[in-house]
Each structure stands twice: as C-alpha cells, then as structure tokens.
Amino acid sequence: MNETEFAALLCSRLCHDLMSPVGALNNGVELLADEHDAEMRERVIELIGESAAATANKLKFFRLAFGAAGGFGSEIDTGEAKAALAGLFGAEKRIELGWMVDEPRLPKDAVKLLLNLAMIAGDALVRGGKLDVGAERRGEEIELVIRAEGPRLIVDPAIRAVLEGAGEGDSEPRAAGALLARQLAAAQGGTIQYSSPAETVAMIGATLKG
C-alpha cells in the first residue's frame, strides 16, 4: 500500500465515523426549521447540541490519533490524550475509562499508538464495559497496555489480521487505525501483542524504544 492509498483509507475512516453525528446535526436543523411546538423545539435543540458535542469530540480525538497535533517529533501532554479518549467513549456512558498513565508527557507517536490501540479495543466493546489504558517508561523503553472487558466482545478479524502483520494489501477503512498503529509501532522499534480474546476480555500491548 502506497502513501496515497493509506491517506485515502484514513480519510474514509474519518468520513465514516463523522457521518452519523454530522447527519444528525443536519436533520436537527431541518426539523427545527419546520417545528413550531415549543416543547418539541427545545428537544430538537437538545439533540442538535448532543450531535455537535459528539462531532467535536470525534474531531479532537482524530486530530491526536491520526493527525499532526503537537508538532513533529515532539512530546505531548498525556492529559490531552486522556481528554480526547474520554470524549470519544465517555459521552454515551457505555464505556468506563480507566486511565493508568502517570507520565505527564510522552513522545507524540507513542501517544498516537496508545490512542489507536485504545480505539480498537473500545470499538470491540459492542455492549459497553471497562476500558483500561496504561503507559509506563521503563529505562529506555515505553510499555503500552490496553485491556477491554465487557459483556460482549467482538474483535474484527480484518483489524486483528492487520495488527498481526497480515492483510495490508486489502485493508478496509475500518482497519485504518490498526494499520497506522502497526506502522507507528514498527517505526519506534516495537511490535504489537494481541491476546487471544476470551469471550469478555481482550488485551493489546506494545513495547517501544523510548
């Protein structure tokens, strides 16, 4: 896969994830224009606000996970990463986020990898659950660990194949984050380890050269 194809894959993933909240915004504005009942208008305005917040949260997350936030080759505030992840999964209250990162700052690409792995694990929690995210410096290395637990866990086979080093040639937009994660890990001298998921628990980890 060349750089143009990879960029197109990421763009497709962004468009797919933003379609729902942006579409809801559009529908809400159309309803508001035709609605004259005060109570209904108030409810529509509330729904528009929720869709706007969801869109903003997704954009903040994608800016950190996929984009060039923080500059090139720099370290970034892990608190910003925590806020972005909480915004992505926390608004619906389906997923409880456990943040176990004591380092105030980490290399940008390590944070991007952490966010992409957390997104993959969180997406597998189709009925909600607990998402624990951890990172720690150990000498010259940085260890990342993600643990997902919930009543039902569905790991997309295409995403797992990409994480394990296969399937790059026919990757689909939903696997864009996995492909980026694999490339980020390799660029930092690391590999991604994915546990064989039990029915309700899965773990993803990576050890990077810090």
Protein backbone atom coordinates (compact mmCIF):
# COMPACT_ATOMS: atom_id res chain seq x y z
CA MET A 1 0.00 0.00 0.00
CA ASN A 2 1.47 3.37 -1.03
CA GLU A 3 1.12 6.64 0.89
CA THR A 4 -1.76 7.88 -1.27
CA GLU A 5 -3.76 4.70 -0.70
CA PHE A 6 -3.09 4.86 3.02
CA ALA A 7 -4.18 8.51 3.20
CA ALA A 8 -7.38 7.61 1.34
CA LEU A 9 -8.01 4.80 3.83
CA LEU A 10 -7.68 7.17 6.78
CA CYS A 11 -9.95 9.75 5.13
CA SER A 12 -12.58 7.08 4.51
CA ARG A 13 -12.45 6.08 8.17
CA LEU A 14 -12.86 9.71 9.26
CA CYS A 15 -15.80 10.27 6.93
CA HIS A 16 -17.49 7.07 8.11
CA ASP A 17 -17.20 7.98 11.79
CA LEU A 18 -18.29 11.59 11.32
CA MET A 19 -21.23 10.80 9.04
CA SER A 20 -23.60 9.90 11.86
CA PRO A 21 -23.20 12.96 14.15
CA VAL A 22 -22.96 15.40 11.23
CA GLY A 23 -26.03 13.82 9.61
CA ALA A 24 -27.90 14.14 12.90
CA LEU A 25 -26.93 17.83 13.03
CA ASN A 26 -28.31 18.38 9.54
CA ASN A 27 -31.53 16.55 10.32
CA GLY A 28 -31.96 18.50 13.53
CA VAL A 29 -31.59 21.84 11.77
CA GLU A 30 -34.16 20.78 9.15
CA LEU A 31 -36.60 19.70 11.87
CA LEU A 32 -36.08 22.94 13.77
CA ALA A 33 -36.99 24.98 10.70
CA ASP A 34 -40.36 23.21 10.40
CA GLU A 35 -41.21 22.71 14.07
CA HIS A 36 -43.37 25.29 15.87
CA ASP A 37 -44.23 23.47 19.09
CA ALA A 38 -42.13 25.00 21.88
CA GLU A 39 -41.56 21.73 23.71
CA MET A 40 -40.54 19.89 20.55
CA ARG A 41 -38.23 22.73 19.51
CA GLU A 42 -36.50 22.52 22.88
CA ARG A 43 -35.99 18.78 22.43
CA VAL A 44 -34.63 19.25 18.91
CA ILE A 45 -32.20 21.92 20.13
CA GLU A 46 -31.04 19.49 22.83
CA LEU A 47 -30.42 16.79 20.21
CA ILE A 48 -28.54 19.25 18.00
CA GLY A 49 -26.33 20.13 20.96
CA GLU A 50 -25.58 16.45 21.62
CA SER A 51 -24.69 15.87 17.96
CA ALA A 52 -22.47 18.95 17.88
CA ALA A 53 -20.64 17.77 21.01
CA ALA A 54 -20.19 14.28 19.56
CA THR A 55 -18.77 15.73 16.35
CA ALA A 56 -16.35 17.99 18.25
CA ASN A 57 -15.21 15.11 20.46
CA LYS A 58 -14.53 12.86 17.49
CA LEU A 59 -12.58 15.60 15.72
CA LYS A 60 -10.44 16.23 18.82
CA PHE A 61 -9.67 12.52 19.08
CA PHE A 62 -8.87 12.08 15.38
CA ARG A 63 -6.63 15.16 15.45
CA LEU A 64 -4.45 13.47 18.08
CA ALA A 65 -4.76 9.85 16.92
CA PHE A 66 -4.44 10.41 13.16
CA GLY A 67 -3.21 13.98 12.70
CA ALA A 68 -0.14 16.10 13.38
CA ALA A 69 -1.23 17.62 16.69
CA GLY A 70 1.69 18.57 18.91
CA GLY A 71 4.16 19.06 16.08
CA PHE A 72 6.56 16.57 14.57
CA GLY A 73 8.95 14.58 16.75
CA SER A 74 7.77 16.24 19.97
CA GLU A 75 6.32 15.05 23.24
CA ILE A 76 2.72 15.89 24.09
CA ASP A 77 0.63 16.18 27.24
CA THR A 78 -0.91 12.83 28.19
CA GLY A 79 -3.77 14.72 29.84
CA GLU A 80 -4.82 15.90 26.40
CA ALA A 81 -4.84 12.30 25.22
CA LYS A 82 -6.96 11.25 28.20
CA ALA A 83 -9.48 14.03 27.48
CA ALA A 84 -9.67 13.04 23.81
CA LEU A 85 -10.30 9.39 24.66
CA ALA A 86 -12.88 10.27 27.31
CA GLY A 87 -14.67 12.45 24.77
CA LEU A 88 -14.73 9.65 22.22
CA PHE A 89 -16.14 6.97 24.51
CA GLY A 90 -17.39 8.78 27.59
CA ALA A 91 -20.31 10.81 26.26
CA GLU A 92 -22.65 7.83 25.91
CA LYS A 93 -21.60 6.43 29.30
CA ARG A 94 -21.40 2.92 27.83
CA ILE A 95 -17.69 2.56 28.44
CA GLU A 96 -15.91 3.26 31.73
CA LEU A 97 -12.40 4.57 31.10
CA GLY A 98 -9.60 3.60 33.44
CA TRP A 99 -6.58 5.85 32.79
CA MET A 100 -3.32 4.48 34.23
CA VAL A 101 -0.74 6.81 32.71
CA ASP A 102 1.36 8.65 35.29
CA GLU A 103 3.79 10.17 32.79
CA PRO A 104 2.83 13.83 32.23
CA ARG A 105 4.28 13.76 28.71
CA LEU A 106 5.15 11.04 26.22
CA PRO A 107 6.54 11.05 22.66
CA LYS A 108 3.87 12.05 20.19
CA ASP A 109 3.99 8.80 18.22
CA ALA A 110 3.72 6.73 21.41
CA VAL A 111 0.55 8.67 22.32
CA LYS A 112 -0.83 8.23 18.81
CA LEU A 113 -0.22 4.49 19.07
CA LEU A 114 -1.83 4.36 22.51
CA LEU A 115 -4.94 6.16 21.23
CA ASN A 116 -5.28 3.97 18.16
CA LEU A 117 -4.98 0.78 20.20
CA ALA A 118 -7.50 2.14 22.73
CA MET A 119 -9.91 2.98 19.90
CA ILE A 120 -9.63 -0.57 18.54
CA ALA A 121 -10.24 -2.11 21.96
CA GLY A 122 -13.09 0.28 22.73
CA ASP A 123 -14.82 -0.45 19.43
CA ALA A 124 -14.79 -4.16 20.35
CA LEU A 125 -16.93 -3.42 23.43
CA VAL A 126 -20.18 -3.55 21.48
CA ARG A 127 -22.32 -3.59 24.65
CA GLY A 128 -20.11 -1.31 26.68
CA GLY A 129 -17.82 -2.23 29.56
CA LYS A 130 -14.46 -1.20 31.02
CA LEU A 131 -11.52 0.12 29.03
CA ASP A 132 -8.23 0.35 30.94
CA VAL A 133 -5.39 2.27 29.30
CA GLY A 134 -1.86 2.21 30.66
CA ALA A 135 1.58 3.52 29.69
CA GLU A 136 4.89 3.50 31.54
CA ARG A 137 8.53 4.38 30.89
CA ARG A 138 10.98 1.67 31.87
CA GLY A 139 14.53 2.76 31.25
CA GLU A 140 14.91 3.19 27.51
CA GLU A 141 11.53 1.62 26.74
CA ILE A 142 7.88 2.65 26.85
CA GLU A 143 5.28 -0.01 27.59
CA LEU A 144 1.68 0.39 26.46
CA VAL A 145 -1.16 -1.85 27.64
CA ILE A 146 -4.87 -1.76 26.80
CA ARG A 147 -7.43 -4.02 28.48
CA ALA A 148 -11.05 -4.25 27.35
CA GLU A 149 -13.70 -6.10 29.36
CA GLY A 150 -17.43 -6.22 28.80
CA PRO A 151 -20.49 -8.46 28.46
CA ARG A 152 -19.79 -8.98 24.77
CA LEU A 153 -16.53 -8.52 22.91
CA ILE A 154 -16.31 -8.60 19.11
CA VAL A 155 -12.87 -8.24 17.56
CA ASP A 156 -13.00 -7.53 13.83
CA PRO A 157 -10.95 -10.27 12.07
CA ALA A 158 -9.67 -7.75 9.49
CA ILE A 159 -8.36 -5.47 12.24
CA ARG A 160 -6.69 -8.31 14.08
CA ALA A 161 -5.07 -9.53 10.85
CA VAL A 162 -3.57 -6.09 10.22
CA LEU A 163 -2.25 -5.82 13.79
CA GLU A 164 -0.61 -9.21 13.41
CA GLY A 165 1.10 -8.18 10.16
CA ALA A 166 -1.25 -9.55 7.52
CA GLY A 167 -3.96 -8.11 5.30
CA GLU A 168 -2.33 -4.79 4.41
CA GLY A 169 -2.95 -5.17 0.70
CA ASP A 170 -6.73 -5.40 1.04
CA SER A 171 -7.26 -3.29 4.15
CA GLU A 172 -10.66 -1.65 4.56
CA PRO A 173 -11.36 1.77 6.10
CA ARG A 174 -12.36 0.20 9.42
CA ALA A 175 -8.81 -1.19 9.68
CA ALA A 176 -7.10 2.16 9.07
CA GLY A 177 -6.37 2.69 12.77
CA ALA A 178 -4.87 -0.79 13.03
CA LEU A 179 -2.63 -0.19 10.03
CA LEU A 180 -1.46 3.14 11.43
CA ALA A 181 -0.85 1.50 14.81
CA ARG A 182 1.29 -1.20 13.24
CA GLN A 183 3.34 1.37 11.33
CA LEU A 184 3.81 3.53 14.43
CA ALA A 185 4.97 0.55 16.46
CA ALA A 186 7.44 -0.55 13.78
CA ALA A 187 8.83 2.99 13.42
CA GLN A 188 9.59 3.02 17.16
CA GLY A 189 11.29 -0.35 17.14
CA GLY A 190 8.36 -2.17 18.69
CA THR A 191 5.71 -4.74 17.92
CA ILE A 192 2.08 -5.14 18.92
CA GLN A 193 0.94 -8.10 21.01
CA TYR A 194 -2.71 -9.08 20.92
CA SER A 195 -4.01 -11.66 23.38
CA SER A 196 -6.32 -14.40 22.21
CA PRO A 197 -9.56 -12.72 23.29
CA ALA A 198 -11.74 -14.56 25.75
CA GLU A 199 -15.46 -14.10 25.47
CA THR A 200 -15.42 -10.96 27.59
CA VAL A 201 -11.77 -9.82 27.86
CA ALA A 202 -9.06 -8.77 25.39
CA MET A 203 -5.63 -7.20 25.85
CA ILE A 204 -3.38 -5.33 23.46
CA GLY A 205 0.15 -4.25 24.26
CA ALA A 206 3.28 -2.79 22.73
CA THR A 207 6.86 -2.16 23.90
CA LEU A 208 8.60 0.75 22.23
CA LYS A 209 12.13 2.12 22.32
CA GLY A 210 11.76 5.42 24.13
